[in-house]
Amino acid sequence: MNEVLNVALITAGFASVLAFVLGTTLGFFRDFFAVPHDPLMERILEALPGANCGACGYAGCESYAKAITEGKAGISNCPAGGSALPEKLSEITGLKGKAVENVAAVLACQGSYINTPPKGIYTGVESCRAAKLAAGSTKLCSWGCMGYGDCVRVCKFSAITLNKTKGLPLVDRQKCTGCLMCIRECPQGLLKGVKKELKGAIVLCSNLSSNKQGVMKACKIACIKCGACVRVCPQKCIVLENNIPVVDYSLCTACGICVEKCPTKSLRLL
């Protein structure tokens, strides 16, 4: 019995000594390798949205805050923080920056499953980028949205959802911060950054083909390059560029006449 008690006491003593040595060693290395405390960087980091979306050009909010502190970055690089962020960062740092445009993503495509037939059965990785590499496109319209939700997966603000019935992403303009991550991710280049306060007509088609019959076969509601919107616009603010209507918003009054006269309803008002 005494031998068992002695073994238990020795073990407990050894464990206590080991714990003390390890604790002391860890404390030493913690202090030795500690990153210096920077109150300015912490204030900047607290002001940033914490999304770590990378839209600023840095790996995350902490990297961006560090770059500002070291004078390597300006205070207007973060679209996710909204238009008020540069002013807040200016108060903290004393630096000057320009206002960030308050934009939201808009999908320039209406090629749902109903409007755009598939080319065939795609059995590859369910990713727009993978499908683009493997087949060019999974739909008859090679310009359109393939609907696998790459943009949904990269959005850190839950501003995009996938309508599985239509096979198209839906953007919540109120939630969208304009970080542009979805725009960079779309292999078809279908998401556009549009100012939230902008009023006027926008074309929801990206088919650049001039073949009217081919366009109509590929999508029921694609822009057929008829030029009706150009002719009826009372402000003469619409022109065809690369077979797509382009609106001069400095002249557009959002009267809606072009939207009404479009035969395929590929135009809508913002």
Protein backbone atom coordinates (compact mmCIF):
# COMPACT_ATOMS: atom_id res chain seq x y z
CA MET A 1 0.00 0.00 0.00
CA ASN A 2 2.86 2.35 0.90
CA GLU A 3 4.59 1.57 -2.38
CA VAL A 4 1.44 2.48 -4.37
CA LEU A 5 1.14 5.73 -2.38
CA ASN A 6 4.79 6.56 -3.01
CA VAL A 7 4.41 5.96 -6.76
CA ALA A 8 1.32 8.21 -6.83
CA LEU A 9 3.14 10.98 -4.94
CA ILE A 10 6.21 10.75 -7.19
CA THR A 11 4.01 10.86 -10.30
CA ALA A 12 2.08 13.85 -9.02
CA GLY A 13 5.31 15.64 -8.11
CA PHE A 14 6.86 14.92 -11.49
CA ALA A 15 3.71 16.15 -13.25
CA SER A 16 3.73 19.38 -11.22
CA VAL A 17 7.39 20.06 -12.01
CA LEU A 18 6.81 19.30 -15.72
CA ALA A 19 3.76 21.60 -15.80
CA PHE A 20 5.78 24.38 -14.17
CA VAL A 21 8.68 24.01 -16.64
CA LEU A 22 6.36 23.91 -19.65
CA GLY A 23 4.35 26.90 -18.40
CA THR A 24 7.50 28.95 -17.81
CA THR A 25 8.89 28.00 -21.24
CA LEU A 26 5.64 28.86 -23.05
CA GLY A 27 5.44 32.18 -21.20
CA PHE A 28 9.00 33.01 -22.25
CA PHE A 29 8.37 32.23 -25.94
CA ARG A 30 5.05 34.12 -25.84
CA ASP A 31 6.83 37.26 -24.65
CA PHE A 32 9.83 36.71 -26.92
CA PHE A 33 7.77 36.33 -30.12
CA ALA A 34 4.95 38.71 -29.20
CA VAL A 35 3.84 41.13 -31.92
CA PRO A 36 4.21 44.72 -30.73
CA HIS A 37 0.89 46.30 -29.70
CA ASP A 38 -0.21 49.01 -32.17
CA PRO A 39 -3.20 51.01 -30.94
CA LEU A 40 -3.62 52.78 -34.32
CA MET A 41 -3.82 49.51 -36.22
CA GLU A 42 -6.35 48.17 -33.73
CA ARG A 43 -8.58 51.24 -34.18
CA ILE A 44 -8.39 50.91 -37.95
CA LEU A 45 -9.19 47.20 -37.75
CA GLU A 46 -12.16 47.91 -35.50
CA ALA A 47 -13.54 50.39 -38.06
CA LEU A 48 -13.22 47.92 -40.97
CA PRO A 49 -16.20 45.62 -41.70
CA GLY A 50 -14.35 42.40 -40.80
CA ALA A 51 -15.56 40.60 -43.93
CA ASN A 52 -12.04 39.58 -45.04
CA CYS A 53 -13.39 39.56 -48.60
CA GLY A 54 -10.14 40.69 -50.25
CA ALA A 55 -11.82 43.43 -52.31
CA CYS A 56 -9.26 45.93 -50.97
CA GLY A 57 -6.46 43.99 -52.63
CA TYR A 58 -5.15 42.50 -49.37
CA ALA A 59 -5.59 39.07 -47.81
CA GLY A 60 -8.06 40.36 -45.24
CA CYS A 61 -9.02 43.25 -42.99
CA GLU A 62 -6.01 42.78 -40.70
CA SER A 63 -3.58 42.89 -43.63
CA TYR A 64 -5.29 46.01 -44.98
CA ALA A 65 -5.23 47.69 -41.55
CA LYS A 66 -1.51 46.91 -41.27
CA ALA A 67 -0.87 48.35 -44.73
CA ILE A 68 -2.69 51.59 -43.82
CA THR A 69 -0.72 51.85 -40.58
CA GLU A 70 2.57 51.40 -42.45
CA GLY A 71 1.60 53.95 -45.11
CA LYS A 72 1.45 51.33 -47.86
CA ALA A 73 -2.27 51.69 -48.61
CA GLY A 74 -4.85 54.44 -48.80
CA ILE A 75 -8.09 54.61 -46.84
CA SER A 76 -10.44 54.27 -49.83
CA ASN A 77 -9.73 50.67 -50.84
CA CYS A 78 -12.61 49.00 -48.99
CA PRO A 79 -15.92 49.00 -50.91
CA ALA A 80 -17.45 46.58 -48.41
CA GLY A 81 -17.25 49.23 -45.69
CA GLY A 82 -19.61 51.57 -47.52
CA SER A 83 -19.31 55.21 -48.51
CA ALA A 84 -18.90 56.42 -44.90
CA LEU A 85 -15.80 54.32 -44.14
CA PRO A 86 -13.13 56.61 -45.70
CA GLU A 87 -14.37 59.50 -43.56
CA LYS A 88 -14.22 57.34 -40.43
CA LEU A 89 -10.70 56.14 -41.30
CA SER A 90 -9.68 59.74 -42.02
CA GLU A 91 -10.70 60.73 -38.49
CA ILE A 92 -8.61 57.87 -37.09
CA THR A 93 -5.49 58.27 -39.24
CA GLY A 94 -5.51 61.88 -40.39
CA LEU A 95 -5.17 60.67 -43.97
CA LYS A 96 -7.32 61.92 -46.83
CA GLY A 97 -9.20 59.63 -49.17
CA LYS A 98 -11.84 59.78 -51.85
CA ALA A 99 -15.43 58.64 -51.35
CA VAL A 100 -16.18 55.01 -52.20
CA GLU A 101 -18.94 54.57 -54.78
CA ASN A 102 -22.02 52.89 -53.34
CA VAL A 103 -22.56 50.13 -55.92
CA ALA A 104 -24.41 46.85 -56.14
CA ALA A 105 -24.03 43.91 -58.51
CA VAL A 106 -26.55 43.45 -61.33
CA LEU A 107 -26.82 40.25 -63.38
CA ALA A 108 -26.82 41.14 -67.09
CA CYS A 109 -28.65 37.95 -68.10
CA GLN A 110 -32.20 36.60 -67.99
CA GLY A 111 -31.36 33.23 -69.49
CA SER A 112 -33.36 31.01 -67.16
CA TYR A 113 -34.03 27.32 -67.85
CA ILE A 114 -37.33 28.37 -69.48
CA ASN A 115 -35.79 30.97 -71.79
CA THR A 116 -32.50 29.31 -72.68
CA PRO A 117 -32.38 25.59 -73.58
CA PRO A 118 -29.36 23.50 -72.51
CA LYS A 119 -26.86 22.27 -75.09
CA GLY A 120 -27.00 18.81 -73.57
CA ILE A 121 -26.52 17.00 -70.28
CA TYR A 122 -23.54 18.29 -68.32
CA THR A 123 -22.10 15.76 -65.85
CA GLY A 124 -18.98 17.59 -64.70
CA VAL A 125 -18.17 19.58 -61.57
CA GLU A 126 -21.10 21.85 -60.67
CA SER A 127 -19.21 25.08 -61.02
CA CYS A 128 -19.58 27.80 -63.64
CA ARG A 129 -15.82 28.05 -64.02
CA ALA A 130 -15.41 24.28 -64.41
CA ALA A 131 -18.26 24.12 -66.93
CA LYS A 132 -16.75 27.02 -68.86
CA LEU A 133 -13.42 25.20 -69.10
CA ALA A 134 -14.99 21.85 -69.96
CA ALA A 135 -17.74 22.83 -72.38
CA GLY A 136 -17.54 26.55 -73.07
CA SER A 137 -21.13 26.81 -71.88
CA THR A 138 -23.89 24.40 -70.82
CA LYS A 139 -26.63 26.42 -72.56
CA LEU A 140 -27.37 27.25 -76.20
CA CYS A 141 -26.52 30.85 -75.36
CA SER A 142 -22.77 30.64 -74.90
CA TRP A 143 -22.80 34.13 -73.35
CA GLY A 144 -25.33 33.41 -70.62
CA CYS A 145 -25.40 32.41 -66.96
CA MET A 146 -24.87 28.69 -66.32
CA GLY A 147 -26.43 28.88 -62.87
CA TYR A 148 -24.03 26.82 -60.75
CA GLY A 149 -23.70 29.54 -58.14
CA ASP A 150 -19.98 30.40 -58.06
CA CYS A 151 -21.03 33.98 -57.28
CA VAL A 152 -23.23 32.78 -54.41
CA ARG A 153 -20.36 30.88 -52.81
CA VAL A 154 -17.92 33.81 -52.83
CA CYS A 155 -20.39 36.37 -51.45
CA LYS A 156 -19.55 36.95 -47.78
CA PHE A 157 -22.62 39.10 -47.14
CA SER A 158 -25.40 36.63 -48.11
CA ALA A 159 -26.46 39.13 -50.76
CA ILE A 160 -26.80 36.53 -53.53
CA THR A 161 -29.06 33.50 -53.59
CA LEU A 162 -29.60 30.96 -56.32
CA ASN A 163 -33.10 30.61 -57.72
CA LYS A 164 -32.96 26.90 -58.54
CA THR A 165 -36.25 27.03 -60.45
CA LYS A 166 -34.86 29.59 -62.91
CA GLY A 167 -31.23 28.59 -62.58
CA LEU A 168 -30.17 32.20 -62.02
CA PRO A 169 -28.60 34.08 -59.08
CA LEU A 170 -30.66 36.80 -57.44
CA VAL A 171 -28.89 39.84 -55.96
CA ASP A 172 -30.31 41.61 -52.92
CA ARG A 173 -29.27 45.19 -53.68
CA GLN A 174 -29.83 46.25 -50.07
CA LYS A 175 -27.44 43.62 -48.71
CA CYS A 176 -24.88 43.99 -51.51
CA THR A 177 -21.86 46.01 -50.35
CA GLY A 178 -20.25 46.35 -53.75
CA CYS A 179 -17.18 44.35 -52.76
CA LEU A 180 -17.02 43.09 -56.39
CA MET A 181 -16.01 39.54 -55.42
CA CYS A 182 -18.90 38.03 -57.41
CA ILE A 183 -17.97 40.16 -60.41
CA ARG A 184 -14.43 38.82 -60.36
CA GLU A 185 -15.63 35.24 -59.87
CA CYS A 186 -18.13 35.06 -62.77
CA PRO A 187 -16.32 33.41 -65.72
CA GLN A 188 -18.91 34.86 -68.13
CA GLY A 189 -18.49 38.44 -66.92
CA LEU A 190 -22.25 38.77 -66.38
CA LEU A 191 -22.28 40.65 -63.08
CA LYS A 192 -21.83 44.40 -63.31
CA GLY A 193 -21.23 46.96 -60.58
CA VAL A 194 -23.95 49.61 -60.83
CA LYS A 195 -24.37 52.65 -58.57
CA LYS A 196 -27.25 52.06 -56.18
CA GLU A 197 -28.61 55.57 -56.69
CA LEU A 198 -28.50 55.29 -60.48
CA LYS A 199 -31.84 55.63 -62.28
CA GLY A 200 -32.35 54.62 -65.87
CA ALA A 201 -32.60 51.70 -68.28
CA ILE A 202 -30.18 48.79 -68.29
CA VAL A 203 -29.94 45.89 -70.71
CA LEU A 204 -30.09 42.45 -69.07
CA CYS A 205 -28.36 40.59 -71.87
CA SER A 206 -24.69 40.01 -72.67
CA ASN A 207 -25.01 38.18 -76.00
CA LEU A 208 -22.68 40.05 -78.34
CA SER A 209 -23.58 38.07 -81.45
CA SER A 210 -24.95 40.01 -84.43
CA ASN A 211 -26.74 36.89 -85.74
CA LYS A 212 -30.37 37.77 -84.97
CA GLN A 213 -31.76 34.32 -85.78
CA GLY A 214 -29.06 32.62 -83.73
CA VAL A 215 -29.69 34.92 -80.77
CA MET A 216 -33.45 34.25 -80.86
CA LYS A 217 -32.83 30.49 -81.01
CA ALA A 218 -30.43 30.63 -78.07
CA CYS A 219 -32.66 32.73 -75.77
CA LYS A 220 -36.26 33.86 -75.98
CA ILE A 221 -35.68 37.15 -74.20
CA ALA A 222 -32.22 38.10 -75.44
CA CYS A 223 -31.43 41.43 -77.06
CA ILE A 224 -31.96 40.86 -80.79
CA LYS A 225 -30.04 43.99 -81.85
CA CYS A 226 -33.11 45.51 -83.52
CA GLY A 227 -32.22 49.04 -82.42
CA ALA A 228 -35.78 49.90 -81.34
CA CYS A 229 -34.52 51.33 -78.04
CA VAL A 230 -32.08 53.57 -79.90
CA ARG A 231 -34.78 54.91 -82.22
CA VAL A 232 -37.49 55.60 -79.63
CA CYS A 233 -35.33 57.20 -76.94
CA PRO A 234 -36.44 60.87 -76.72
CA GLN A 235 -33.12 61.84 -75.11
CA LYS A 236 -31.02 60.06 -77.75
CA CYS A 237 -28.96 58.57 -74.95
CA ILE A 238 -28.78 54.95 -76.18
CA VAL A 239 -26.31 53.59 -78.71
CA LEU A 240 -25.39 50.07 -79.80
CA GLU A 241 -21.84 49.11 -78.87
CA ASN A 242 -20.62 45.60 -79.65
CA ASN A 243 -24.26 44.74 -80.45
CA ILE A 244 -25.47 45.68 -76.96
CA PRO A 245 -27.42 48.86 -76.05
CA VAL A 246 -25.36 51.22 -73.90
CA VAL A 247 -27.06 54.02 -71.98
CA ASP A 248 -25.58 57.43 -71.26
CA TYR A 249 -26.96 57.94 -67.76
CA SER A 250 -26.02 61.62 -67.75
CA LEU A 251 -28.82 62.08 -70.31
CA CYS A 252 -31.23 59.28 -69.36
CA THR A 253 -34.39 60.49 -67.58
CA ALA A 254 -35.68 56.97 -66.76
CA CYS A 255 -38.79 57.63 -68.83
CA GLY A 256 -39.14 53.91 -69.58
CA ILE A 257 -40.08 54.27 -73.26
CA CYS A 258 -37.20 52.03 -74.38
CA VAL A 259 -38.25 49.38 -71.86
CA GLU A 260 -41.83 49.50 -73.12
CA LYS A 261 -40.83 49.24 -76.79
CA CYS A 262 -38.23 46.47 -76.42
CA PRO A 263 -39.76 43.43 -78.22
CA THR A 264 -37.96 40.87 -76.06
CA LYS A 265 -38.08 42.77 -72.76
CA SER A 266 -34.34 42.63 -72.37
CA LEU A 267 -34.31 46.17 -70.97
CA ARG A 268 -35.56 47.21 -67.55
CA LEU A 269 -35.45 50.25 -65.33
CA LEU A 270 -33.15 50.40 -62.34
